Amino acid sequence: MPRSTPRAARRRALAATALVLATLTTACGPSATGPSATQLQQGSLARDFDLNGVRLTVGSKEFTEQQILGKILLYALRAAGARTTDQTGLNGTNVVRQALKQGQVDIYWEYSGTGWTQFLQHDKPIRGAQRQFRATAREDHAKNGVTWLAPARFGNQYALARAKDASGAAGEVHTLSDLAEFTRNHPEQATLCGASEFLDRELRSFQKTYDARFPPELTYQNALALNYVNVAKASPCRFAEVFTSDARITSLDLEVLDDDRGHFTTELAAVTVRDETAADHPQLKALAEKLGDALTEERMIELNGMVDLEGHTPDEAALAFLSERGFIGTDTSA
């Protein structure tokens, strides 16, 4: 029998928990998208927090990691007694941010680098994940009335990758400086896949930092999920935008190119709310700290993999995480 690695064993345990919870959510009430009241009341969140009477609308962006984070927050708030409305899966950063500012969404996870460059319009990142987070939180509070609660222990950020077994000159590209040289020496092979947000928001500044040139006719816009598949088969692109916490980097045998000039900002994830929401509900800070402390990079990669590789839903991944940590219960007797 093959020897099981700790990560493989952990992922099997998470998957098994998710299957139990999926059965539970279908059998224990009229909603097929949430756990039973008994399950929520059994965990530490119900004991440690009291948000009874609080009503909050939870948002998220549309990609896998954001949907999982949104569902974690949604169920955590319900376990603490809050009444929640689910607005996870909104299409794009600007949409969910505007929803927050306009009061259509009350709370969602954002990334500190995104806040720094997109909301606060800074061209240069701050070195150091915690320093970047603190600078973003301080300035966004002062200028926009948005509070950033305690960050998670993982940072997602943009990167560019290629297939590890890429042939020819592409196989010699290991850094983004190498990639810039490749685009100059082999312009006809400088093919890139990217999602719309990356191509609209990040590509120009990246090309300025590294003097890398991808011809427009060789730049392909597609859904983020397709980037990984397309670059793994080197068709239609030899290089692609990826997120560093995505499990498909390993499963599809991709090599993330070293950002040797430190262009891409560190993207610590954190819960964001309007200032008045933070002031009205001070327990949100401690709840965010508890969740953030449990969300390491390894765990986030595993949770992303449950959805993208194993076919579970974001709800199942979120519930598996919360029950595994004891935040909610795993009672199946309802």
C-alpha atoms as a PDB file:
ATOM      1  CA  MET A   1       0.000   0.000   0.000  1.00  0.00           C
ATOM      2  CA  PRO A   2       1.437   3.451  -0.897  1.00  0.00           C
ATOM      3  CA  ARG A   3       2.595   5.477   2.064  1.00  0.00           C
ATOM      4  CA  SER A   4       0.170   8.295   2.860  1.00  0.00           C
ATOM      5  CA  THR A   5       1.616  11.802   3.227  1.00  0.00           C
ATOM      6  CA  PRO A   6       0.325  14.142   5.958  1.00  0.00           C
ATOM      7  CA  ARG A   7      -1.148  16.477   3.337  1.00  0.00           C
ATOM      8  CA  ALA A   8      -2.920  13.621   1.529  1.00  0.00           C
ATOM      9  CA  ALA A   9      -4.347  12.332   4.804  1.00  0.00           C
ATOM     10  CA  ARG A  10      -5.513  15.801   5.728  1.00  0.00           C
ATOM     11  CA  ARG A  11      -7.227  16.348   2.414  1.00  0.00           C
ATOM     12  CA  ARG A  12      -9.007  12.985   2.709  1.00  0.00           C
ATOM     13  CA  ALA A  13     -10.230  13.988   6.165  1.00  0.00           C
ATOM     14  CA  LEU A  14     -11.483  17.330   4.874  1.00  0.00           C
ATOM     15  CA  ALA A  15     -13.242  15.658   1.970  1.00  0.00           C
ATOM     16  CA  ALA A  16     -14.908  13.110   4.254  1.00  0.00           C
ATOM     17  CA  THR A  17     -16.082  15.873   6.566  1.00  0.00           C
ATOM     18  CA  ALA A  18     -17.521  17.779   3.613  1.00  0.00           C
ATOM     19  CA  LEU A  19     -19.487  14.748   2.446  1.00  0.00           C
ATOM     20  CA  VAL A  20     -20.989  14.301   5.893  1.00  0.00           C
ATOM     21  CA  LEU A  21     -21.924  17.963   6.003  1.00  0.00           C
ATOM     22  CA  ALA A  22     -23.410  17.857   2.527  1.00  0.00           C
ATOM     23  CA  THR A  23     -25.690  15.024   3.624  1.00  0.00           C
ATOM     24  CA  LEU A  24     -26.529  16.924   6.795  1.00  0.00           C
ATOM     25  CA  THR A  25     -27.494  20.134   5.044  1.00  0.00           C
ATOM     26  CA  THR A  26     -29.834  18.258   2.713  1.00  0.00           C
ATOM     27  CA  ALA A  27     -31.504  16.197   5.427  1.00  0.00           C
ATOM     28  CA  CYS A  28     -31.861  18.609   8.324  1.00  0.00           C
ATOM     29  CA  GLY A  29     -34.062  21.410   7.129  1.00  0.00           C
ATOM     30  CA  PRO A  30     -35.729  23.220   4.262  1.00  0.00           C
ATOM     31  CA  SER A  31     -32.480  24.833   3.061  1.00  0.00           C
ATOM     32  CA  ALA A  32     -29.995  22.686   1.156  1.00  0.00           C
ATOM     33  CA  THR A  33     -27.284  25.324   1.446  1.00  0.00           C
ATOM     34  CA  GLY A  34     -26.743  25.542   5.191  1.00  0.00           C
ATOM     35  CA  PRO A  35     -26.036  23.421   8.242  1.00  0.00           C
ATOM     36  CA  SER A  36     -28.624  22.577  10.885  1.00  0.00           C
ATOM     37  CA  ALA A  37     -29.212  24.833  13.882  1.00  0.00           C
ATOM     38  CA  THR A  38     -27.930  22.036  16.113  1.00  0.00           C
ATOM     39  CA  GLN A  39     -24.653  21.863  14.222  1.00  0.00           C
ATOM     40  CA  LEU A  40     -24.109  25.614  14.454  1.00  0.00           C
ATOM     41  CA  GLN A  41     -24.873  25.722  18.165  1.00  0.00           C
ATOM     42  CA  GLN A  42     -22.418  22.954  19.043  1.00  0.00           C
ATOM     43  CA  GLY A  43     -19.233  24.807  18.127  1.00  0.00           C
ATOM     44  CA  SER A  44     -16.990  27.365  19.795  1.00  0.00           C
ATOM     45  CA  LEU A  45     -18.366  30.300  17.805  1.00  0.00           C
ATOM     46  CA  ALA A  46     -21.793  29.910  19.400  1.00  0.00           C
ATOM     47  CA  ARG A  47     -20.167  29.809  22.848  1.00  0.00           C
ATOM     48  CA  ASP A  48     -17.742  32.704  22.356  1.00  0.00           C
ATOM     49  CA  PHE A  49     -19.853  35.251  20.462  1.00  0.00           C
ATOM     50  CA  ASP A  50     -23.343  36.691  20.692  1.00  0.00           C
ATOM     51  CA  LEU A  51     -24.540  38.419  17.530  1.00  0.00           C
ATOM     52  CA  ASN A  52     -28.230  37.705  18.073  1.00  0.00           C
ATOM     53  CA  GLY A  53     -30.346  40.400  16.467  1.00  0.00           C
ATOM     54  CA  VAL A  54     -27.551  41.481  14.098  1.00  0.00           C
ATOM     55  CA  ARG A  55     -28.338  41.433  10.364  1.00  0.00           C
ATOM     56  CA  LEU A  56     -25.446  41.364   7.895  1.00  0.00           C
ATOM     57  CA  THR A  57     -25.166  40.828   4.145  1.00  0.00           C
ATOM     58  CA  VAL A  58     -22.061  38.838   3.237  1.00  0.00           C
ATOM     59  CA  GLY A  59     -20.376  39.372  -0.127  1.00  0.00           C
ATOM     60  CA  SER A  60     -17.487  37.885  -2.062  1.00  0.00           C
ATOM     61  CA  LYS A  61     -15.955  37.926  -5.518  1.00  0.00           C
ATOM     62  CA  GLU A  62     -16.671  35.138  -7.974  1.00  0.00           C
ATOM     63  CA  PHE A  63     -13.527  32.976  -8.019  1.00  0.00           C
ATOM     64  CA  THR A  64     -13.150  29.817  -5.947  1.00  0.00           C
ATOM     65  CA  GLU A  65     -11.070  31.122  -3.048  1.00  0.00           C
ATOM     66  CA  GLN A  66     -13.312  34.138  -2.565  1.00  0.00           C
ATOM     67  CA  GLN A  67     -16.464  32.022  -2.603  1.00  0.00           C
ATOM     68  CA  ILE A  68     -14.997  29.692   0.038  1.00  0.00           C
ATOM     69  CA  LEU A  69     -13.950  32.627   2.219  1.00  0.00           C
ATOM     70  CA  GLY A  70     -17.375  34.190   1.797  1.00  0.00           C
ATOM     71  CA  LYS A  71     -19.123  30.984   2.842  1.00  0.00           C
ATOM     72  CA  ILE A  72     -16.798  30.588   5.856  1.00  0.00           C
ATOM     73  CA  LEU A  73     -17.759  34.081   6.974  1.00  0.00           C
ATOM     74  CA  LEU A  74     -21.453  33.491   6.263  1.00  0.00           C
ATOM     75  CA  TYR A  75     -21.682  30.325   8.369  1.00  0.00           C
ATOM     76  CA  ALA A  76     -19.431  31.711  11.114  1.00  0.00           C
ATOM     77  CA  LEU A  77     -21.734  34.705  11.535  1.00  0.00           C
ATOM     78  CA  ARG A  78     -24.778  32.438  11.608  1.00  0.00           C
ATOM     79  CA  ALA A  79     -23.122  30.281  14.270  1.00  0.00           C
ATOM     80  CA  ALA A  80     -22.574  33.435  16.337  1.00  0.00           C
ATOM     81  CA  GLY A  81     -26.293  34.197  16.093  1.00  0.00           C
ATOM     82  CA  ALA A  82     -26.417  36.750  13.272  1.00  0.00           C
ATOM     83  CA  ARG A  83     -29.082  36.787  10.569  1.00  0.00           C
ATOM     84  CA  THR A  84     -27.265  36.787   7.235  1.00  0.00           C
ATOM     85  CA  THR A  85     -28.039  37.383   3.580  1.00  0.00           C
ATOM     86  CA  ASP A  86     -25.836  35.607   1.045  1.00  0.00           C
ATOM     87  CA  GLN A  87     -24.415  37.840  -1.695  1.00  0.00           C
ATOM     88  CA  THR A  88     -21.287  35.778  -2.368  1.00  0.00           C
ATOM     89  CA  GLY A  89     -20.081  35.307  -5.929  1.00  0.00           C
ATOM     90  CA  LEU A  90     -20.342  38.898  -7.181  1.00  0.00           C
ATOM     91  CA  ASN A  91     -18.521  39.471 -10.439  1.00  0.00           C
ATOM     92  CA  GLY A  92     -15.278  41.331  -9.814  1.00  0.00           C
ATOM     93  CA  THR A  93     -13.451  43.496  -7.307  1.00  0.00           C
ATOM     94  CA  ASN A  94     -15.067  46.802  -8.237  1.00  0.00           C
ATOM     95  CA  VAL A  95     -18.579  45.375  -8.003  1.00  0.00           C
ATOM     96  CA  VAL A  96     -18.207  43.965  -4.494  1.00  0.00           C
ATOM     97  CA  ARG A  97     -16.266  46.991  -3.223  1.00  0.00           C
ATOM     98  CA  GLN A  98     -18.936  49.382  -4.465  1.00  0.00           C
ATOM     99  CA  ALA A  99     -21.582  47.148  -2.920  1.00  0.00           C
ATOM    100  CA  LEU A 100     -19.771  47.485   0.406  1.00  0.00           C
ATOM    101  CA  LYS A 101     -19.469  51.259   0.201  1.00  0.00           C
ATOM    102  CA  GLN A 102     -23.102  51.686  -0.838  1.00  0.00           C
ATOM    103  CA  GLY A 103     -24.453  49.396   1.884  1.00  0.00           C
ATOM    104  CA  GLN A 104     -25.653  46.589  -0.385  1.00  0.00           C
ATOM    105  CA  VAL A 105     -23.021  44.339   1.228  1.00  0.00           C
ATOM    106  CA  ASP A 106     -21.905  44.740   4.847  1.00  0.00           C
ATOM    107  CA  ILE A 107     -18.861  42.493   5.070  1.00  0.00           C
ATOM    108  CA  TYR A 108     -16.470  40.601   2.777  1.00  0.00           C
ATOM    109  CA  TRP A 109     -12.873  39.370   2.486  1.00  0.00           C
ATOM    110  CA  GLU A 110     -10.482  41.574   0.514  1.00  0.00           C
ATOM    111  CA  TYR A 111      -6.733  41.464  -0.174  1.00  0.00           C
ATOM    112  CA  SER A 112      -4.408  44.151   1.159  1.00  0.00           C
ATOM    113  CA  GLY A 113      -2.458  44.517  -2.077  1.00  0.00           C
ATOM    114  CA  THR A 114      -5.684  45.050  -4.005  1.00  0.00           C
ATOM    115  CA  GLY A 115      -6.687  47.714  -1.514  1.00  0.00           C
ATOM    116  CA  TRP A 116      -3.329  49.447  -1.862  1.00  0.00           C
ATOM    117  CA  THR A 117      -3.139  49.525  -5.648  1.00  0.00           C
ATOM    118  CA  GLN A 118      -6.762  49.586  -6.757  1.00  0.00           C
ATOM    119  CA  PHE A 119      -8.700  51.405  -4.037  1.00  0.00           C
ATOM    120  CA  LEU A 120      -5.917  53.724  -2.858  1.00  0.00           C
ATOM    121  CA  GLN A 121      -4.271  54.095  -6.288  1.00  0.00           C
ATOM    122  CA  HIS A 122      -0.634  53.520  -5.277  1.00  0.00           C
ATOM    123  CA  ASP A 123       1.790  52.421  -7.985  1.00  0.00           C
ATOM    124  CA  LYS A 124       4.454  50.887  -5.743  1.00  0.00           C
ATOM    125  CA  PRO A 125       3.796  48.167  -3.154  1.00  0.00           C
ATOM    126  CA  ILE A 126       5.197  48.180   0.359  1.00  0.00           C
ATOM    127  CA  ARG A 127       7.628  45.372   1.100  1.00  0.00           C
ATOM    128  CA  GLY A 128       6.535  43.045   3.892  1.00  0.00           C
ATOM    129  CA  ALA A 129       3.111  41.462   4.183  1.00  0.00           C
ATOM    130  CA  GLN A 130       2.222  42.918   7.588  1.00  0.00           C
ATOM    131  CA  ARG A 131       3.576  46.382   6.733  1.00  0.00           C
ATOM    132  CA  GLN A 132       1.525  46.378   3.535  1.00  0.00           C
ATOM    133  CA  PHE A 133      -1.593  45.321   5.440  1.00  0.00           C
ATOM    134  CA  ARG A 134      -1.168  47.993   8.119  1.00  0.00           C
ATOM    135  CA  ALA A 135      -0.578  50.752   5.553  1.00  0.00           C
ATOM    136  CA  THR A 136      -3.642  49.706   3.540  1.00  0.00           C
ATOM    137  CA  ALA A 137      -5.856  49.447   6.624  1.00  0.00           C
ATOM    138  CA  ARG A 138      -4.738  52.825   7.987  1.00  0.00           C
ATOM    139  CA  GLU A 139      -5.234  54.749   4.748  1.00  0.00           C
ATOM    140  CA  ASP A 140      -8.482  53.056   3.679  1.00  0.00           C
ATOM    141  CA  HIS A 141      -9.985  53.868   7.074  1.00  0.00           C
ATOM    142  CA  ALA A 142      -8.873  57.506   6.865  1.00  0.00           C
ATOM    143  CA  LYS A 143      -9.899  58.126   3.256  1.00  0.00           C
ATOM    144  CA  ASN A 144     -12.823  55.811   2.626  1.00  0.00           C
ATOM    145  CA  GLY A 145     -14.343  54.859   5.969  1.00  0.00           C
ATOM    146  CA  VAL A 146     -13.522  51.175   5.570  1.00  0.00           C
ATOM    147  CA  THR A 147     -12.196  49.075   8.470  1.00  0.00           C
ATOM    148  CA  TRP A 148      -9.837  46.162   7.810  1.00  0.00           C
ATOM    149  CA  LEU A 149     -10.110  43.555  10.551  1.00  0.00           C
ATOM    150  CA  ALA A 150      -7.326  41.151  11.528  1.00  0.00           C
ATOM    151  CA  PRO A 151      -5.783  39.455   8.451  1.00  0.00           C
ATOM    152  CA  ALA A 152      -5.587  35.754   7.739  1.00  0.00           C
ATOM    153  CA  ARG A 153      -2.281  33.907   7.912  1.00  0.00           C
ATOM    154  CA  PHE A 154      -2.028  33.501   4.152  1.00  0.00           C
ATOM    155  CA  GLY A 155      -1.380  35.860   1.302  1.00  0.00           C
ATOM    156  CA  ASN A 156      -2.718  35.298  -2.166  1.00  0.00           C
ATOM    157  CA  GLN A 157      -1.162  37.241  -4.979  1.00  0.00           C
ATOM    158  CA  TYR A 158      -0.828  37.353  -8.703  1.00  0.00           C
ATOM    159  CA  ALA A 159       1.950  35.406 -10.374  1.00  0.00           C
ATOM    160  CA  LEU A 160       2.843  34.136 -13.827  1.00  0.00           C
ATOM    161  CA  ALA A 161       3.492  30.472 -14.496  1.00  0.00           C
ATOM    162  CA  ARG A 162       4.410  28.026 -17.228  1.00  0.00           C
ATOM    163  CA  ALA A 163       4.288  24.254 -17.569  1.00  0.00           C
ATOM    164  CA  LYS A 164       7.247  22.647 -15.796  1.00  0.00           C
ATOM    165  CA  ASP A 165       7.924  20.511 -18.858  1.00  0.00           C
ATOM    166  CA  ALA A 166       7.829  23.450 -21.294  1.00  0.00           C
ATOM    167  CA  SER A 167      10.081  22.805 -24.261  1.00  0.00           C
ATOM    168  CA  GLY A 168      12.620  24.987 -26.022  1.00  0.00           C
ATOM    169  CA  ALA A 169      13.476  28.492 -24.846  1.00  0.00           C
ATOM    170  CA  ALA A 170      10.307  28.690 -22.726  1.00  0.00           C
ATOM    171  CA  GLY A 171      11.673  25.902 -20.562  1.00  0.00           C
ATOM    172  CA  GLU A 172      14.607  28.128 -19.598  1.00  0.00           C
ATOM    173  CA  VAL A 173      12.356  30.841 -18.164  1.00  0.00           C
ATOM    174  CA  HIS A 174      12.433  30.720 -14.346  1.00  0.00           C
ATOM    175  CA  THR A 175      12.061  34.382 -13.336  1.00  0.00           C
ATOM    176  CA  LEU A 176       9.999  37.299 -14.573  1.00  0.00           C
ATOM    177  CA  SER A 177      13.230  38.913 -15.785  1.00  0.00           C
ATOM    178  CA  ASP A 178      13.827  35.756 -17.834  1.00  0.00           C
ATOM    179  CA  LEU A 179      10.312  36.107 -19.194  1.00  0.00           C
ATOM    180  CA  ALA A 180      10.959  39.703 -20.257  1.00  0.00           C
ATOM    181  CA  GLU A 181      14.043  38.588 -22.168  1.00  0.00           C
ATOM    182  CA  PHE A 182      12.039  35.748 -23.722  1.00  0.00           C
ATOM    183  CA  THR A 183       9.365  38.161 -25.020  1.00  0.00           C
ATOM    184  CA  ARG A 184      12.067  40.289 -26.651  1.00  0.00           C
ATOM    185  CA  ASN A 185      13.949  37.379 -28.239  1.00  0.00           C
ATOM    186  CA  HIS A 186      10.937  35.275 -29.200  1.00  0.00           C
ATOM    187  CA  PRO A 187       8.005  37.678 -29.742  1.00  0.00           C
ATOM    188  CA  GLU A 188       6.160  35.162 -31.896  1.00  0.00           C
ATOM    189  CA  GLN A 189       6.098  32.734 -28.927  1.00  0.00           C
ATOM    190  CA  ALA A 190       5.142  35.339 -26.288  1.00  0.00           C
ATOM    191  CA  THR A 191       1.636  33.989 -25.662  1.00  0.00           C
ATOM    192  CA  LEU A 192      -0.213  34.882 -22.443  1.00  0.00           C
ATOM    193  CA  CYS A 193      -3.539  33.834 -20.872  1.00  0.00           C
ATOM    194  CA  GLY A 194      -5.206  36.048 -18.290  1.00  0.00           C
ATOM    195  CA  ALA A 195      -8.573  36.756 -16.720  1.00  0.00           C
ATOM    196  CA  SER A 196     -10.134  40.127 -17.490  1.00  0.00           C
ATOM    197  CA  GLU A 197      -9.304  41.684 -14.123  1.00  0.00           C
ATOM    198  CA  PHE A 198      -5.596  40.856 -14.440  1.00  0.00           C
ATOM    199  CA  LEU A 199      -5.368  42.043 -18.036  1.00  0.00           C
ATOM    200  CA  ASP A 200      -7.203  45.286 -17.265  1.00  0.00           C
ATOM    201  CA  ARG A 201      -5.599  46.038 -13.903  1.00  0.00           C
ATOM    202  CA  GLU A 202      -2.153  44.471 -13.680  1.00  0.00           C
ATOM    203  CA  LEU A 203      -0.674  43.719 -17.089  1.00  0.00           C
ATOM    204  CA  ARG A 204       0.363  47.250 -18.027  1.00  0.00           C
ATOM    205  CA  SER A 205       2.193  47.930 -14.761  1.00  0.00           C
ATOM    206  CA  PHE A 206       3.849  44.483 -14.885  1.00  0.00           C
ATOM    207  CA  GLN A 207       5.103  45.166 -18.406  1.00  0.00           C
ATOM    208  CA  LYS A 208       6.450  48.516 -17.262  1.00  0.00           C
ATOM    209  CA  THR A 209       8.380  46.977 -14.354  1.00  0.00           C
ATOM    210  CA  TYR A 210       9.945  44.192 -16.405  1.00  0.00           C
ATOM    211  CA  ASP A 211       9.879  45.639 -19.941  1.00  0.00           C
ATOM    212  CA  ALA A 212       8.037  42.492 -21.038  1.00  0.00           C
ATOM    213  CA  ARG A 213       5.954  42.765 -24.178  1.00  0.00           C
ATOM    214  CA  PHE A 214       3.112  40.416 -25.045  1.00  0.00           C
ATOM    215  CA  PRO A 215       1.626  41.241 -28.465  1.00  0.00           C
ATOM    216  CA  PRO A 216      -2.125  41.951 -28.185  1.00  0.00           C
ATOM    217  CA  GLU A 217      -2.918  39.317 -30.795  1.00  0.00           C
ATOM    218  CA  LEU A 218      -1.096  36.706 -28.651  1.00  0.00           C
ATOM    219  CA  THR A 219      -2.806  37.712 -25.378  1.00  0.00           C
ATOM    220  CA  TYR A 220      -5.882  35.622 -24.596  1.00  0.00           C
ATOM    221  CA  GLN A 221      -8.603  36.688 -22.179  1.00  0.00           C
ATOM    222  CA  ASN A 222     -10.476  33.844 -20.525  1.00  0.00           C
ATOM    223  CA  ALA A 223     -11.941  32.742 -17.197  1.00  0.00           C
ATOM    224  CA  LEU A 224      -9.340  32.325 -14.453  1.00  0.00           C
ATOM    225  CA  ALA A 225      -9.930  28.563 -14.217  1.00  0.00           C
ATOM    226  CA  LEU A 226      -8.956  28.133 -17.866  1.00  0.00           C
ATOM    227  CA  ASN A 227      -5.569  29.788 -17.324  1.00  0.00           C
ATOM    228  CA  TYR A 228      -4.256  26.732 -15.482  1.00  0.00           C
ATOM    229  CA  VAL A 229      -5.485  24.209 -18.039  1.00  0.00           C
ATOM    230  CA  ASN A 230      -4.381  26.249 -21.048  1.00  0.00           C
ATOM    231  CA  VAL A 231      -0.863  26.896 -19.796  1.00  0.00           C
ATOM    232  CA  ALA A 232      -0.432  23.278 -18.686  1.00  0.00           C
ATOM    233  CA  LYS A 233      -0.986  22.152 -22.278  1.00  0.00           C
ATOM    234  CA  ALA A 234       0.799  25.240 -23.680  1.00  0.00           C
ATOM    235  CA  SER A 235      -2.207  26.017 -25.862  1.00  0.00           C
ATOM    236  CA  PRO A 236      -3.069  28.696 -26.679  1.00  0.00           C
ATOM    237  CA  CYS A 237      -0.550  30.184 -24.213  1.00  0.00           C
ATOM    238  CA  ARG A 238       2.920  29.363 -22.900  1.00  0.00           C
ATOM    239  CA  PHE A 239       2.501  31.653 -19.876  1.00  0.00           C
ATOM    240  CA  ALA A 240      -0.511  32.491 -17.741  1.00  0.00           C
ATOM    241  CA  GLU A 241      -1.730  34.480 -14.765  1.00  0.00           C
ATOM    242  CA  VAL A 242      -2.222  32.334 -11.653  1.00  0.00           C
ATOM    243  CA  PHE A 243      -2.974  32.851  -7.967  1.00  0.00           C
ATOM    244  CA  THR A 244      -0.260  31.583  -5.643  1.00  0.00           C
ATOM    245  CA  SER A 245      -2.697  29.782  -3.306  1.00  0.00           C
ATOM    246  CA  ASP A 246      -4.359  27.776  -6.077  1.00  0.00           C
ATOM    247  CA  ALA A 247      -4.094  23.985  -5.728  1.00  0.00           C
ATOM    248  CA  ARG A 248      -3.987  23.575  -9.514  1.00  0.00           C
ATOM    249  CA  ILE A 249      -0.406  24.862  -9.600  1.00  0.00           C
ATOM    250  CA  THR A 250       0.684  21.550  -8.070  1.00  0.00           C
ATOM    251  CA  SER A 251      -1.911  19.251  -9.625  1.00  0.00           C
ATOM    252  CA  LEU A 252      -1.175  20.491 -13.158  1.00  0.00           C
ATOM    253  CA  ASP A 253       2.596  20.581 -12.593  1.00  0.00           C
ATOM    254  CA  LEU A 254       3.148  24.287 -13.190  1.00  0.00           C
ATOM    255  CA  GLU A 255       6.202  26.363 -12.328  1.00  0.00           C
ATOM    256  CA  VAL A 256       5.538  29.771 -10.796  1.00  0.00           C
ATOM    257  CA  LEU A 257       8.078  32.278 -12.110  1.00  0.00           C
ATOM    258  CA  ASP A 258      10.103  34.080  -9.459  1.00  0.00           C
ATOM    259  CA  ASP A 259       9.111  37.731  -9.097  1.00  0.00           C
ATOM    260  CA  ASP A 260      12.760  38.802  -8.798  1.00  0.00           C
ATOM    261  CA  ARG A 261      11.972  42.545  -8.735  1.00  0.00           C
ATOM    262  CA  GLY A 262       9.137  42.223  -6.211  1.00  0.00           C
ATOM    263  CA  HIS A 263       6.503  43.710  -8.505  1.00  0.00           C
ATOM    264  CA  PHE A 264       3.367  41.919  -7.308  1.00  0.00           C
ATOM    265  CA  THR A 265       2.073  43.076  -3.956  1.00  0.00           C
ATOM    266  CA  THR A 266       1.562  40.718  -1.031  1.00  0.00           C
ATOM    267  CA  GLU A 267      -2.156  40.072  -0.798  1.00  0.00           C
ATOM    268  CA  LEU A 268      -2.982  39.217   2.824  1.00  0.00           C
ATOM    269  CA  ALA A 269      -6.693  38.387   3.033  1.00  0.00           C
ATOM    270  CA  ALA A 270      -8.729  40.234   5.642  1.00  0.00           C
ATOM    271  CA  VAL A 271     -12.356  40.870   6.527  1.00  0.00           C
ATOM    272  CA  THR A 272     -13.479  44.384   5.529  1.00  0.00           C
ATOM    273  CA  VAL A 273     -16.510  46.338   6.772  1.00  0.00           C
ATOM    274  CA  ARG A 274     -17.665  49.924   6.783  1.00  0.00           C
ATOM    275  CA  ASP A 275     -16.455  51.886   9.819  1.00  0.00           C
ATOM    276  CA  GLU A 276     -19.977  52.224  11.228  1.00  0.00           C
ATOM    277  CA  THR A 277     -20.494  48.449  11.018  1.00  0.00           C
ATOM    278  CA  ALA A 278     -17.259  47.845  12.941  1.00  0.00           C
ATOM    279  CA  ALA A 279     -18.289  50.405  15.561  1.00  0.00           C
ATOM    280  CA  ASP A 280     -21.812  48.994  15.944  1.00  0.00           C
ATOM    281  CA  HIS A 281     -20.623  45.389  16.241  1.00  0.00           C
ATOM    282  CA  PRO A 282     -17.215  45.285  17.999  1.00  0.00           C
ATOM    283  CA  GLN A 283     -17.347  41.483  18.304  1.00  0.00           C
ATOM    284  CA  LEU A 284     -16.662  41.255  14.567  1.00  0.00           C
ATOM    285  CA  LYS A 285     -13.010  42.072  15.210  1.00  0.00           C
ATOM    286  CA  ALA A 286     -12.485  39.094  17.538  1.00  0.00           C
ATOM    287  CA  LEU A 287     -14.465  36.817  15.211  1.00  0.00           C
ATOM    288  CA  ALA A 288     -12.292  37.861  12.273  1.00  0.00           C
ATOM    289  CA  GLU A 289      -9.154  37.232  14.353  1.00  0.00           C
ATOM    290  CA  LYS A 290     -10.300  33.711  15.206  1.00  0.00           C
ATOM    291  CA  LEU A 291     -11.053  32.842  11.598  1.00  0.00           C
ATOM    292  CA  GLY A 292      -7.938  34.545  10.224  1.00  0.00           C
ATOM    293  CA  ASP A 293      -5.619  32.784  12.653  1.00  0.00           C
ATOM    294  CA  ALA A 294      -6.902  29.405  11.446  1.00  0.00           C
ATOM    295  CA  LEU A 295      -6.591  30.203   7.728  1.00  0.00           C
ATOM    296  CA  THR A 296      -3.007  29.332   6.827  1.00  0.00           C
ATOM    297  CA  GLU A 297      -1.705  29.110   3.280  1.00  0.00           C
ATOM    298  CA  GLU A 298      -1.603  25.301   3.461  1.00  0.00           C
ATOM    299  CA  ARG A 299      -5.221  25.089   4.571  1.00  0.00           C
ATOM    300  CA  MET A 300      -6.395  27.574   1.955  1.00  0.00           C
ATOM    301  CA  ILE A 301      -4.693  25.588  -0.787  1.00  0.00           C
ATOM    302  CA  GLU A 302      -6.384  22.421   0.491  1.00  0.00           C
ATOM    303  CA  LEU A 303      -9.789  24.082   0.596  1.00  0.00           C
ATOM    304  CA  ASN A 304      -9.333  25.460  -2.924  1.00  0.00           C
ATOM    305  CA  GLY A 305      -8.362  21.957  -4.032  1.00  0.00           C
ATOM    306  CA  MET A 306     -11.525  20.458  -2.561  1.00  0.00           C
ATOM    307  CA  VAL A 307     -13.539  22.617  -4.945  1.00  0.00           C
ATOM    308  CA  ASP A 308     -11.310  22.864  -8.009  1.00  0.00           C
ATOM    309  CA  LEU A 309      -9.870  19.333  -7.967  1.00  0.00           C
ATOM    310  CA  GLU A 310     -12.302  17.162  -6.035  1.00  0.00           C
ATOM    311  CA  GLY A 311     -15.628  18.608  -7.111  1.00  0.00           C
ATOM    312  CA  HIS A 312     -16.993  19.799  -3.772  1.00  0.00           C
ATOM    313  CA  THR A 313     -18.963  23.028  -3.483  1.00  0.00           C
ATOM    314  CA  PRO A 314     -17.677  26.155  -1.722  1.00  0.00           C
ATOM    315  CA  ASP A 315     -20.349  25.508   0.941  1.00  0.00           C
ATOM    316  CA  GLU A 316     -18.955  22.039   1.613  1.00  0.00           C
ATOM    317  CA  ALA A 317     -15.371  23.291   1.787  1.00  0.00           C
ATOM    318  CA  ALA A 318     -16.348  26.090   4.173  1.00  0.00           C
ATOM    319  CA  LEU A 319     -18.334  23.779   6.439  1.00  0.00           C
ATOM    320  CA  ALA A 320     -15.513  21.247   6.456  1.00  0.00           C
ATOM    321  CA  PHE A 321     -13.076  23.922   7.607  1.00  0.00           C
ATOM    322  CA  LEU A 322     -15.390  25.255  10.315  1.00  0.00           C
ATOM    323  CA  SER A 323     -16.229  21.817  11.708  1.00  0.00           C
ATOM    324  CA  GLU A 324     -12.622  20.613  11.580  1.00  0.00           C
ATOM    325  CA  ARG A 325     -11.573  23.595  13.703  1.00  0.00           C
ATOM    326  CA  GLY A 326     -14.437  23.052  16.148  1.00  0.00           C
ATOM    327  CA  PHE A 327     -16.027  26.373  15.217  1.00  0.00           C
ATOM    328  CA  ILE A 328     -19.262  24.497  14.486  1.00  0.00           C
ATOM    329  CA  GLY A 329     -20.328  20.953  15.370  1.00  0.00           C
ATOM    330  CA  THR A 330     -20.554  17.796  13.301  1.00  0.00           C
ATOM    331  CA  ASP A 331     -23.780  16.397  14.767  1.00  0.00           C
ATOM    332  CA  THR A 332     -25.614  14.146  12.304  1.00  0.00           C
ATOM    333  CA  SER A 333     -28.558  13.146  14.472  1.00  0.00           C
ATOM    334  CA  ALA A 334     -30.901  15.922  13.311  1.00  0.00           C
END
